[in-house]
Amino acid sequence: MWKSRGAAVRTPLALLVAAGIAVPLGGCGNNSRRSSDEAAGAAAVETEEATEARREEVAETEKNRELLSELEAKRREEAAEEQAKTTEKTALAKAKKRAQKADKEAKKHEAEAEAKLKQRETTLKDETLKREQEAATKKQEEERKQSAERKRAAERRKAEAERAATTQQAAPPAQTPQQPAWSE
């Protein structure tokens, strides 16, 4: 920093010294006017050149800014596109996951429903079989009761027939009075 400051001070100082020496050496009179006109013209040319150089620098700086702005805009656009692609991929992955989960849940519910249906069918079959067995048991019980009743009735008839036979053999047959014809 000190070096550039020293150079900045020395350069104008050297120009002033050179100008201070050149003017007296140039002589007096017309020559001095010419040399001062030439010096003024040279200073004007230098000023114009400096101004032109500064304009060129400003134009170049502006052009660089525009290029930089375009590059940054492209970079932002590419970053936005990349972000959009990433977001889209993420959304697709999430949607796929949700669809798989929904399918899995649907299959689970379907399997549960089938299991419940099978259980109901099994329960219904068991109940039907139980009713049929109860009905068969009742029927067998009634048949046994009827059979037992028939046997008892047959035994009673047999016992009555034996009693009747025993009483007939023991007592002479009694004559049955004839009933009058008009009663028939």
N, C-alpha and C. Protein backbone atom coordinates (compact mmCIF):
# COMPACT_ATOMS: atom_id res chain seq x y z
N MET A 1 0.81 -1.16 0.00
CA MET A 1 0.00 0.00 0.00
C MET A 1 0.88 1.25 0.00
N TRP A 2 1.93 1.22 0.78
CA TRP A 2 2.83 2.37 0.84
C TRP A 2 3.56 2.57 -0.48
N LYS A 3 3.85 1.48 -1.13
CA LYS A 3 4.57 1.60 -2.40
C LYS A 3 3.70 2.27 -3.44
N SER A 4 2.45 1.88 -3.54
CA SER A 4 1.59 2.48 -4.55
C SER A 4 1.30 3.94 -4.23
N ARG A 5 1.21 4.29 -2.95
CA ARG A 5 0.97 5.66 -2.57
C ARG A 5 2.18 6.53 -2.90
N GLY A 6 3.35 5.97 -2.65
CA GLY A 6 4.58 6.70 -2.98
C GLY A 6 4.72 6.90 -4.47
N ALA A 7 4.32 5.87 -5.24
CA ALA A 7 4.39 5.97 -6.70
C ALA A 7 3.40 6.99 -7.19
N ALA A 8 2.24 7.05 -6.57
CA ALA A 8 1.22 8.00 -6.97
C ALA A 8 1.67 9.42 -6.69
N VAL A 9 2.42 9.63 -5.63
CA VAL A 9 2.92 10.98 -5.30
C VAL A 9 4.10 11.33 -6.20
N ARG A 10 4.96 10.40 -6.46
CA ARG A 10 6.16 10.66 -7.26
C ARG A 10 5.83 10.95 -8.72
N THR A 11 4.85 10.25 -9.30
CA THR A 11 4.55 10.43 -10.72
C THR A 11 4.09 11.86 -11.01
N PRO A 12 3.11 12.42 -10.33
CA PRO A 12 2.73 13.80 -10.63
C PRO A 12 3.83 14.78 -10.31
N LEU A 13 4.58 14.47 -9.26
CA LEU A 13 5.69 15.36 -8.89
C LEU A 13 6.74 15.40 -10.01
N ALA A 14 7.01 14.25 -10.60
CA ALA A 14 7.97 14.18 -11.70
C ALA A 14 7.45 14.95 -12.90
N LEU A 15 6.15 14.86 -13.15
CA LEU A 15 5.56 15.60 -14.26
C LEU A 15 5.68 17.12 -14.04
N LEU A 16 5.42 17.53 -12.83
CA LEU A 16 5.53 18.96 -12.52
C LEU A 16 6.97 19.45 -12.67
N VAL A 17 7.89 18.66 -12.18
CA VAL A 17 9.30 19.03 -12.29
C VAL A 17 9.69 19.10 -13.77
N ALA A 18 9.26 18.12 -14.53
CA ALA A 18 9.59 18.11 -15.95
C ALA A 18 8.98 19.31 -16.65
N ALA A 19 7.74 19.62 -16.32
CA ALA A 19 7.08 20.76 -16.93
C ALA A 19 7.77 22.06 -16.49
N GLY A 20 8.17 22.12 -15.22
CA GLY A 20 8.85 23.31 -14.71
C GLY A 20 10.20 23.52 -15.38
N ILE A 21 10.89 22.50 -15.73
CA ILE A 21 12.19 22.60 -16.39
C ILE A 21 11.99 22.87 -17.88
N ALA A 22 11.02 22.24 -18.49
CA ALA A 22 10.82 22.37 -19.93
C ALA A 22 10.37 23.77 -20.31
N VAL A 23 9.56 24.38 -19.54
CA VAL A 23 9.05 25.69 -19.88
C VAL A 23 10.19 26.73 -19.90
N PRO A 24 11.06 26.85 -18.90
CA PRO A 24 12.10 27.86 -18.98
C PRO A 24 13.11 27.53 -20.07
N LEU A 25 13.32 26.29 -20.34
CA LEU A 25 14.28 25.93 -21.37
C LEU A 25 13.75 26.24 -22.76
N GLY A 26 12.48 26.25 -22.86
CA GLY A 26 11.88 26.48 -24.17
C GLY A 26 12.16 27.88 -24.69
N GLY A 27 12.50 28.77 -23.90
CA GLY A 27 12.82 30.10 -24.34
C GLY A 27 11.68 31.05 -24.09
N CYS A 28 11.90 32.30 -24.49
CA CYS A 28 10.93 33.33 -24.25
C CYS A 28 10.26 33.67 -25.55
N GLY A 29 9.17 34.35 -25.46
CA GLY A 29 8.53 34.87 -26.64
C GLY A 29 7.61 33.85 -27.27
N ASN A 30 7.66 33.87 -28.62
CA ASN A 30 6.77 33.03 -29.39
C ASN A 30 6.98 31.55 -29.10
N ASN A 31 8.19 31.25 -28.96
CA ASN A 31 8.46 29.83 -28.69
C ASN A 31 7.78 29.38 -27.40
N SER A 32 7.77 30.28 -26.44
CA SER A 32 7.18 29.88 -25.17
C SER A 32 5.66 29.76 -25.32
N ARG A 33 5.10 30.63 -26.19
CA ARG A 33 3.66 30.53 -26.42
C ARG A 33 3.35 29.25 -27.14
N ARG A 34 4.13 28.95 -28.11
CA ARG A 34 3.91 27.72 -28.86
C ARG A 34 4.06 26.52 -27.95
N SER A 35 5.09 26.56 -27.17
CA SER A 35 5.31 25.41 -26.31
C SER A 35 4.21 25.32 -25.27
N SER A 36 3.70 26.46 -24.78
CA SER A 36 2.61 26.39 -23.81
C SER A 36 1.33 25.95 -24.51
N ASP A 37 1.12 26.38 -25.81
CA ASP A 37 -0.03 25.89 -26.56
C ASP A 37 0.10 24.40 -26.82
N GLU A 38 1.32 24.02 -27.14
CA GLU A 38 1.55 22.59 -27.39
C GLU A 38 1.35 21.82 -26.09
N ALA A 39 1.82 22.39 -25.02
CA ALA A 39 1.66 21.72 -23.73
C ALA A 39 0.18 21.66 -23.37
N ALA A 40 -0.55 22.71 -23.61
CA ALA A 40 -1.98 22.73 -23.32
C ALA A 40 -2.69 21.72 -24.22
N GLY A 41 -2.26 21.67 -25.52
CA GLY A 41 -2.87 20.71 -26.45
C GLY A 41 -2.55 19.30 -26.03
N ALA A 42 -1.29 19.08 -25.61
CA ALA A 42 -0.90 17.74 -25.16
C ALA A 42 -1.69 17.37 -23.92
N ALA A 43 -1.90 18.34 -23.02
CA ALA A 43 -2.65 18.07 -21.79
C ALA A 43 -4.10 17.76 -22.14
N ALA A 44 -4.65 18.49 -23.14
CA ALA A 44 -6.02 18.26 -23.56
C ALA A 44 -6.15 16.88 -24.18
N VAL A 45 -5.13 16.47 -24.99
CA VAL A 45 -5.14 15.16 -25.62
C VAL A 45 -5.08 14.07 -24.54
N GLU A 46 -4.18 14.36 -23.57
CA GLU A 46 -4.05 13.38 -22.48
C GLU A 46 -5.36 13.28 -21.70
N THR A 47 -6.03 14.40 -21.49
CA THR A 47 -7.29 14.42 -20.76
C THR A 47 -8.35 13.68 -21.56
N GLU A 48 -8.37 13.92 -22.88
CA GLU A 48 -9.33 13.23 -23.73
C GLU A 48 -9.06 11.72 -23.73
N GLU A 49 -7.77 11.37 -23.80
CA GLU A 49 -7.40 9.95 -23.80
C GLU A 49 -7.79 9.30 -22.46
N ALA A 50 -7.55 10.04 -21.39
CA ALA A 50 -7.91 9.52 -20.06
C ALA A 50 -9.43 9.36 -19.96
N THR A 51 -10.15 10.37 -20.47
CA THR A 51 -11.61 10.31 -20.44
C THR A 51 -12.10 9.14 -21.28
N GLU A 52 -11.50 8.99 -22.47
CA GLU A 52 -11.88 7.89 -23.36
C GLU A 52 -11.57 6.54 -22.70
N ALA A 53 -10.39 6.47 -22.09
CA ALA A 53 -10.01 5.22 -21.41
C ALA A 53 -11.00 4.92 -20.28
N ARG A 54 -11.39 5.97 -19.55
CA ARG A 54 -12.33 5.79 -18.45
C ARG A 54 -13.69 5.35 -18.99
N ARG A 55 -14.13 5.93 -20.11
CA ARG A 55 -15.40 5.53 -20.74
C ARG A 55 -15.34 4.07 -21.16
N GLU A 56 -14.21 3.70 -21.75
CA GLU A 56 -14.04 2.31 -22.17
C GLU A 56 -14.08 1.37 -20.97
N GLU A 57 -13.42 1.80 -19.89
CA GLU A 57 -13.43 0.98 -18.68
C GLU A 57 -14.85 0.84 -18.13
N VAL A 58 -15.58 1.98 -18.12
CA VAL A 58 -16.96 1.96 -17.62
C VAL A 58 -17.82 1.06 -18.51
N ALA A 59 -17.65 1.20 -19.85
CA ALA A 59 -18.42 0.36 -20.78
C ALA A 59 -18.07 -1.11 -20.59
N GLU A 60 -16.78 -1.39 -20.42
CA GLU A 60 -16.35 -2.78 -20.22
C GLU A 60 -16.89 -3.31 -18.89
N THR A 61 -16.85 -2.47 -17.89
CA THR A 61 -17.38 -2.88 -16.58
C THR A 61 -18.88 -3.17 -16.68
N GLU A 62 -19.59 -2.30 -17.39
CA GLU A 62 -21.03 -2.50 -17.57
C GLU A 62 -21.29 -3.79 -18.34
N LYS A 63 -20.49 -4.03 -19.38
CA LYS A 63 -20.63 -5.26 -20.17
C LYS A 63 -20.36 -6.48 -19.29
N ASN A 64 -19.32 -6.40 -18.47
CA ASN A 64 -18.99 -7.51 -17.57
C ASN A 64 -20.13 -7.75 -16.56
N ARG A 65 -20.71 -6.66 -16.09
CA ARG A 65 -21.84 -6.79 -15.16
C ARG A 65 -23.01 -7.49 -15.82
N GLU A 66 -23.29 -7.09 -17.07
CA GLU A 66 -24.38 -7.72 -17.80
C GLU A 66 -24.11 -9.21 -18.02
N LEU A 67 -22.87 -9.53 -18.41
CA LEU A 67 -22.51 -10.94 -18.60
C LEU A 67 -22.62 -11.71 -17.28
N LEU A 68 -22.14 -11.09 -16.23
CA LEU A 68 -22.23 -11.72 -14.92
C LEU A 68 -23.68 -11.91 -14.52
N SER A 69 -24.51 -10.91 -14.79
CA SER A 69 -25.93 -10.99 -14.48
C SER A 69 -26.58 -12.14 -15.27
N GLU A 70 -26.23 -12.26 -16.56
CA GLU A 70 -26.76 -13.34 -17.39
C GLU A 70 -26.32 -14.70 -16.86
N LEU A 71 -25.05 -14.78 -16.50
CA LEU A 71 -24.54 -16.05 -15.95
C LEU A 71 -25.26 -16.42 -14.66
N GLU A 72 -25.44 -15.42 -13.79
CA GLU A 72 -26.14 -15.69 -12.55
C GLU A 72 -27.58 -16.10 -12.81
N ALA A 73 -28.23 -15.45 -13.79
CA ALA A 73 -29.61 -15.80 -14.13
C ALA A 73 -29.67 -17.24 -14.65
N LYS A 74 -28.71 -17.61 -15.50
CA LYS A 74 -28.67 -18.99 -16.01
C LYS A 74 -28.45 -19.97 -14.86
N ARG A 75 -27.53 -19.60 -13.99
CA ARG A 75 -27.22 -20.48 -12.85
C ARG A 75 -28.47 -20.65 -11.97
N ARG A 76 -29.18 -19.53 -11.72
CA ARG A 76 -30.40 -19.62 -10.90
C ARG A 76 -31.45 -20.47 -11.60
N GLU A 77 -31.56 -20.28 -12.92
CA GLU A 77 -32.54 -21.06 -13.69
C GLU A 77 -32.20 -22.55 -13.64
N GLU A 78 -30.92 -22.88 -13.82
CA GLU A 78 -30.51 -24.28 -13.76
C GLU A 78 -30.73 -24.85 -12.36
N ALA A 79 -30.45 -24.04 -11.35
CA ALA A 79 -30.67 -24.49 -9.97
C ALA A 79 -32.16 -24.72 -9.73
N ALA A 80 -32.98 -23.82 -10.27
CA ALA A 80 -34.44 -23.97 -10.11
C ALA A 80 -34.93 -25.23 -10.83
N GLU A 81 -34.41 -25.46 -12.04
CA GLU A 81 -34.78 -26.67 -12.78
C GLU A 81 -34.36 -27.92 -12.02
N GLU A 82 -33.16 -27.90 -11.49
CA GLU A 82 -32.65 -29.04 -10.71
C GLU A 82 -33.51 -29.26 -9.47
N GLN A 83 -33.87 -28.16 -8.83
CA GLN A 83 -34.73 -28.25 -7.64
C GLN A 83 -36.09 -28.81 -8.02
N ALA A 84 -36.63 -28.36 -9.17
CA ALA A 84 -37.92 -28.86 -9.63
C ALA A 84 -37.85 -30.36 -9.92
N LYS A 85 -36.76 -30.78 -10.57
CA LYS A 85 -36.59 -32.20 -10.85
C LYS A 85 -36.51 -33.01 -9.55
N THR A 86 -35.75 -32.48 -8.61
CA THR A 86 -35.61 -33.17 -7.32
C THR A 86 -36.96 -33.25 -6.61
N THR A 87 -37.68 -32.13 -6.63
CA THR A 87 -39.00 -32.10 -5.99
C THR A 87 -39.94 -33.09 -6.68
N GLU A 88 -39.90 -33.12 -8.01
CA GLU A 88 -40.75 -34.03 -8.76
C GLU A 88 -40.41 -35.49 -8.43
N LYS A 89 -39.11 -35.80 -8.38
CA LYS A 89 -38.70 -37.17 -8.04
C LYS A 89 -39.17 -37.53 -6.65
N THR A 90 -39.03 -36.59 -5.71
CA THR A 90 -39.46 -36.84 -4.34
C THR A 90 -40.97 -37.06 -4.30
N ALA A 91 -41.70 -36.23 -5.02
CA ALA A 91 -43.16 -36.36 -5.04
C ALA A 91 -43.57 -37.70 -5.64
N LEU A 92 -42.91 -38.09 -6.74
CA LEU A 92 -43.21 -39.38 -7.35
C LEU A 92 -42.92 -40.53 -6.40
N ALA A 93 -41.80 -40.43 -5.72
CA ALA A 93 -41.43 -41.49 -4.76
C ALA A 93 -42.46 -41.57 -3.64
N LYS A 94 -42.89 -40.41 -3.14
CA LYS A 94 -43.90 -40.40 -2.09
C LYS A 94 -45.22 -40.96 -2.59
N ALA A 95 -45.60 -40.57 -3.80
CA ALA A 95 -46.86 -41.08 -4.37
C ALA A 95 -46.79 -42.59 -4.55
N LYS A 96 -45.65 -43.06 -5.02
CA LYS A 96 -45.48 -44.50 -5.20
C LYS A 96 -45.57 -45.21 -3.86
N LYS A 97 -44.94 -44.63 -2.84
CA LYS A 97 -44.98 -45.22 -1.50
C LYS A 97 -46.42 -45.26 -0.98
N ARG A 98 -47.14 -44.14 -1.18
CA ARG A 98 -48.54 -44.09 -0.73
C ARG A 98 -49.38 -45.14 -1.46
N ALA A 99 -49.15 -45.28 -2.76
CA ALA A 99 -49.90 -46.27 -3.54
C ALA A 99 -49.60 -47.68 -3.04
N GLN A 100 -48.33 -47.96 -2.78
CA GLN A 100 -47.96 -49.28 -2.28
C GLN A 100 -48.59 -49.52 -0.91
N LYS A 101 -48.58 -48.50 -0.08
CA LYS A 101 -49.17 -48.64 1.25
C LYS A 101 -50.67 -48.87 1.14
N ALA A 102 -51.31 -48.13 0.24
CA ALA A 102 -52.76 -48.29 0.03
C ALA A 102 -53.06 -49.70 -0.48
N ASP A 103 -52.25 -50.19 -1.42
CA ASP A 103 -52.45 -51.55 -1.92
C ASP A 103 -52.28 -52.57 -0.80
N LYS A 104 -51.27 -52.36 0.00
CA LYS A 104 -51.00 -53.26 1.11
C LYS A 104 -52.17 -53.25 2.09
N GLU A 105 -52.68 -52.05 2.41
CA GLU A 105 -53.83 -51.94 3.31
C GLU A 105 -55.06 -52.60 2.70
N ALA A 106 -55.26 -52.39 1.40
CA ALA A 106 -56.42 -52.99 0.73
C ALA A 106 -56.33 -54.52 0.78
N LYS A 107 -55.15 -55.05 0.51
CA LYS A 107 -54.97 -56.50 0.57
C LYS A 107 -55.19 -57.00 1.99
N LYS A 108 -54.72 -56.23 2.96
CA LYS A 108 -54.89 -56.62 4.37
C LYS A 108 -56.37 -56.66 4.72
N HIS A 109 -57.10 -55.61 4.33
CA HIS A 109 -58.54 -55.57 4.62
C HIS A 109 -59.27 -56.70 3.89
N GLU A 110 -58.86 -56.96 2.66
CA GLU A 110 -59.47 -58.02 1.89
C GLU A 110 -59.23 -59.38 2.56
N ALA A 111 -58.00 -59.59 3.02
CA ALA A 111 -57.68 -60.85 3.70
C ALA A 111 -58.48 -60.97 5.00
N GLU A 112 -58.60 -59.87 5.73
CA GLU A 112 -59.40 -59.89 6.96
C GLU A 112 -60.85 -60.21 6.65
N ALA A 113 -61.38 -59.59 5.59
CA ALA A 113 -62.77 -59.84 5.21
C ALA A 113 -62.96 -61.31 4.82
N GLU A 114 -62.03 -61.85 4.07
CA GLU A 114 -62.11 -63.27 3.67
C GLU A 114 -62.04 -64.16 4.90
N ALA A 115 -61.17 -63.82 5.84
CA ALA A 115 -61.05 -64.63 7.06
C ALA A 115 -62.35 -64.58 7.86
N LYS A 116 -62.94 -63.38 7.96
CA LYS A 116 -64.22 -63.26 8.67
C LYS A 116 -65.31 -64.07 7.96
N LEU A 117 -65.32 -64.00 6.64
CA LEU A 117 -66.32 -64.74 5.87
C LEU A 117 -66.16 -66.24 6.09
N LYS A 118 -64.92 -66.71 6.03
CA LYS A 118 -64.67 -68.13 6.26
C LYS A 118 -65.09 -68.53 7.67
N GLN A 119 -64.79 -67.67 8.63
CA GLN A 119 -65.16 -67.96 10.01
C GLN A 119 -66.68 -68.02 10.14
N ARG A 120 -67.38 -67.09 9.50
CA ARG A 120 -68.85 -67.12 9.54
C ARG A 120 -69.39 -68.38 8.89
N GLU A 121 -68.81 -68.73 7.73
CA GLU A 121 -69.25 -69.95 7.05
C GLU A 121 -69.02 -71.17 7.94
N THR A 122 -67.86 -71.22 8.57
CA THR A 122 -67.54 -72.34 9.46
C THR A 122 -68.51 -72.36 10.64
N THR A 123 -68.76 -71.20 11.22
CA THR A 123 -69.69 -71.12 12.34
C THR A 123 -71.09 -71.55 11.91
N LEU A 124 -71.51 -71.09 10.74
CA LEU A 124 -72.83 -71.45 10.22
C LEU A 124 -72.92 -72.96 9.97
N LYS A 125 -71.86 -73.52 9.38
CA LYS A 125 -71.84 -74.97 9.14
C LYS A 125 -71.89 -75.73 10.46
N ASP A 126 -71.12 -75.23 11.44
CA ASP A 126 -71.12 -75.88 12.75
C ASP A 126 -72.50 -75.82 13.39
N GLU A 127 -73.13 -74.64 13.32
CA GLU A 127 -74.46 -74.49 13.88
C GLU A 127 -75.47 -75.38 13.16
N THR A 128 -75.38 -75.42 11.83
CA THR A 128 -76.28 -76.26 11.04
C THR A 128 -76.07 -77.73 11.41
N LEU A 129 -74.84 -78.15 11.50
CA LEU A 129 -74.53 -79.53 11.86
C LEU A 129 -75.05 -79.83 13.27
N LYS A 130 -74.88 -78.89 14.16
CA LYS A 130 -75.35 -79.08 15.54
C LYS A 130 -76.87 -79.22 15.56
N ARG A 131 -77.56 -78.35 14.79
CA ARG A 131 -79.03 -78.44 14.73
C ARG A 131 -79.47 -79.76 14.13
N GLU A 132 -78.77 -80.16 13.07
CA GLU A 132 -79.12 -81.44 12.45
C GLU A 132 -78.90 -82.59 13.41
N GLN A 133 -77.79 -82.52 14.16
CA GLN A 133 -77.53 -83.58 15.14
C GLN A 133 -78.59 -83.56 16.25
N GLU A 134 -78.95 -82.35 16.69
CA GLU A 134 -80.00 -82.25 17.70
C GLU A 134 -81.31 -82.80 17.18
N ALA A 135 -81.63 -82.45 15.92
CA ALA A 135 -82.87 -82.95 15.30
C ALA A 135 -82.81 -84.47 15.18
N ALA A 136 -81.66 -84.98 14.77
CA ALA A 136 -81.53 -86.44 14.64
C ALA A 136 -81.65 -87.11 16.01
N THR A 137 -81.04 -86.48 17.01
CA THR A 137 -81.12 -87.02 18.38
C THR A 137 -82.57 -87.00 18.87
N LYS A 138 -83.30 -85.90 18.63
CA LYS A 138 -84.70 -85.80 19.02
C LYS A 138 -85.53 -86.87 18.31
N LYS A 139 -85.25 -87.01 17.01
CA LYS A 139 -86.00 -87.98 16.22
C LYS A 139 -85.75 -89.39 16.77
N GLN A 140 -84.47 -89.69 17.06
CA GLN A 140 -84.14 -91.01 17.61
C GLN A 140 -84.82 -91.20 18.96
N GLU A 141 -84.82 -90.15 19.77
CA GLU A 141 -85.46 -90.21 21.08
C GLU A 141 -86.94 -90.47 20.94
N GLU A 142 -87.59 -89.75 20.01
CA GLU A 142 -89.02 -89.96 19.79
C GLU A 142 -89.28 -91.36 19.27
N GLU A 143 -88.42 -91.82 18.34
CA GLU A 143 -88.60 -93.18 17.83
C GLU A 143 -88.46 -94.19 18.96
N ARG A 144 -87.49 -93.98 19.84
CA ARG A 144 -87.33 -94.89 20.99
C ARG A 144 -88.56 -94.84 21.89
N LYS A 145 -89.05 -93.60 22.12
CA LYS A 145 -90.26 -93.47 22.95
C LYS A 145 -91.43 -94.19 22.30
N GLN A 146 -91.60 -93.96 20.99
CA GLN A 146 -92.71 -94.61 20.28
C GLN A 146 -92.55 -96.13 20.31
N SER A 147 -91.31 -96.56 20.10
CA SER A 147 -91.04 -98.00 20.13
C SER A 147 -91.32 -98.56 21.52
N ALA A 148 -90.89 -97.83 22.53
CA ALA A 148 -91.13 -98.27 23.90
C ALA A 148 -92.63 -98.28 24.18
N GLU A 149 -93.34 -97.25 23.71
CA GLU A 149 -94.80 -97.18 23.89
C GLU A 149 -95.47 -98.34 23.20
N ARG A 150 -95.01 -98.65 21.97
CA ARG A 150 -95.59 -99.79 21.25
C ARG A 150 -95.35 -101.09 22.00
N LYS A 151 -94.14 -101.21 22.52
CA LYS A 151 -93.82 -102.43 23.27
C LYS A 151 -94.71 -102.53 24.51
N ARG A 152 -94.88 -101.43 25.21
CA ARG A 152 -95.72 -101.45 26.42
C ARG A 152 -97.16 -101.77 26.06
N ALA A 153 -97.61 -101.13 24.93
CA ALA A 153 -98.99 -101.39 24.50
C ALA A 153 -99.14 -102.85 24.11
N ALA A 154 -98.12 -103.37 23.42
CA ALA A 154 -98.18 -104.79 23.02
C ALA A 154 -98.15 -105.67 24.26
N GLU A 155 -97.34 -105.31 25.23
CA GLU A 155 -97.26 -106.09 26.48
C GLU A 155 -98.57 -106.02 27.23
N ARG A 156 -99.21 -104.84 27.26
CA ARG A 156 -100.49 -104.70 27.93
C ARG A 156 -101.55 -105.57 27.25
N ARG A 157 -101.54 -105.52 25.92
CA ARG A 157 -102.50 -106.33 25.18
C ARG A 157 -102.26 -107.80 25.45
N LYS A 158 -100.98 -108.13 25.44
CA LYS A 158 -100.63 -109.53 25.69
C LYS A 158 -101.05 -109.93 27.10
N ALA A 159 -100.79 -109.02 28.07
CA ALA A 159 -101.17 -109.31 29.45
C ALA A 159 -102.68 -109.40 29.59
N GLU A 160 -103.41 -108.51 28.92
CA GLU A 160 -104.87 -108.53 28.95
C GLU A 160 -105.38 -109.81 28.29
N ALA A 161 -104.73 -110.14 27.17
CA ALA A 161 -105.15 -111.36 26.47
C ALA A 161 -104.90 -112.58 27.35
N GLU A 162 -103.79 -112.57 28.05
CA GLU A 162 -103.49 -113.71 28.95
C GLU A 162 -104.48 -113.73 30.11
N ARG A 163 -104.82 -112.56 30.65
CA ARG A 163 -105.78 -112.49 31.73
C ARG A 163 -107.15 -112.95 31.25
N ALA A 164 -107.45 -112.46 30.07
CA ALA A 164 -108.76 -112.84 29.51
C ALA A 164 -108.78 -114.34 29.26
N ALA A 165 -107.66 -114.88 28.78
CA ALA A 165 -107.61 -116.33 28.52
C ALA A 165 -107.66 -117.08 29.85
N THR A 166 -107.01 -116.58 30.82
CA THR A 166 -107.01 -117.24 32.11
C THR A 166 -108.40 -117.16 32.74
N THR A 167 -109.04 -116.06 32.66
CA THR A 167 -110.38 -115.93 33.23
C THR A 167 -111.37 -116.74 32.44
N GLN A 168 -111.25 -116.93 31.21
CA GLN A 168 -112.17 -117.74 30.39
C GLN A 168 -111.98 -119.20 30.72
N GLN A 169 -110.79 -119.57 30.93
CA GLN A 169 -110.55 -120.97 31.25
C GLN A 169 -111.05 -121.23 32.68
N ALA A 170 -110.93 -120.35 33.52
CA ALA A 170 -111.36 -120.57 34.88
C ALA A 170 -112.86 -120.46 35.00
N ALA A 171 -113.54 -119.71 34.34
CA ALA A 171 -114.98 -119.56 34.42
C ALA A 171 -115.60 -120.01 33.12
N PRO A 172 -116.74 -120.71 33.23
CA PRO A 172 -117.40 -121.14 32.01
C PRO A 172 -117.88 -119.91 31.26
N PRO A 173 -117.93 -120.08 30.03
CA PRO A 173 -118.34 -118.94 29.25
C PRO A 173 -119.76 -118.53 29.59
N ALA A 174 -119.96 -117.39 29.83
CA ALA A 174 -121.26 -116.87 30.13
C ALA A 174 -121.98 -116.57 28.86
N GLN A 175 -123.23 -116.79 28.97
CA GLN A 175 -124.00 -116.54 27.76
C GLN A 175 -124.29 -115.06 27.71
N THR A 176 -124.14 -114.66 26.59
CA THR A 176 -124.39 -113.24 26.42
C THR A 176 -125.83 -113.07 26.03
N PRO A 177 -126.53 -112.31 26.69
CA PRO A 177 -127.93 -112.11 26.35
C PRO A 177 -128.02 -111.48 24.96
N GLN A 178 -128.98 -111.91 24.32
CA GLN A 178 -129.20 -111.39 23.00
C GLN A 178 -129.90 -110.07 23.13
N GLN A 179 -129.51 -109.31 22.34
CA GLN A 179 -130.09 -107.97 22.38
C GLN A 179 -131.26 -107.94 21.42
N PRO A 180 -132.14 -107.17 21.76
CA PRO A 180 -133.29 -107.09 20.85
C PRO A 180 -132.89 -106.55 19.49
N ALA A 181 -133.57 -106.89 18.51
CA ALA A 181 -133.27 -106.57 17.14
C ALA A 181 -133.46 -105.10 16.86
N TRP A 182 -134.26 -104.54 17.55
CA TRP A 182 -134.49 -103.13 17.30
C TRP A 182 -133.34 -102.26 17.70
N SER A 183 -132.39 -102.72 18.55
CA SER A 183 -131.29 -101.91 19.00
C SER A 183 -130.17 -101.82 17.97
N GLU A 184 -130.18 -102.74 17.08
CA GLU A 184 -129.09 -102.73 16.11
C GLU A 184 -129.31 -101.73 15.11
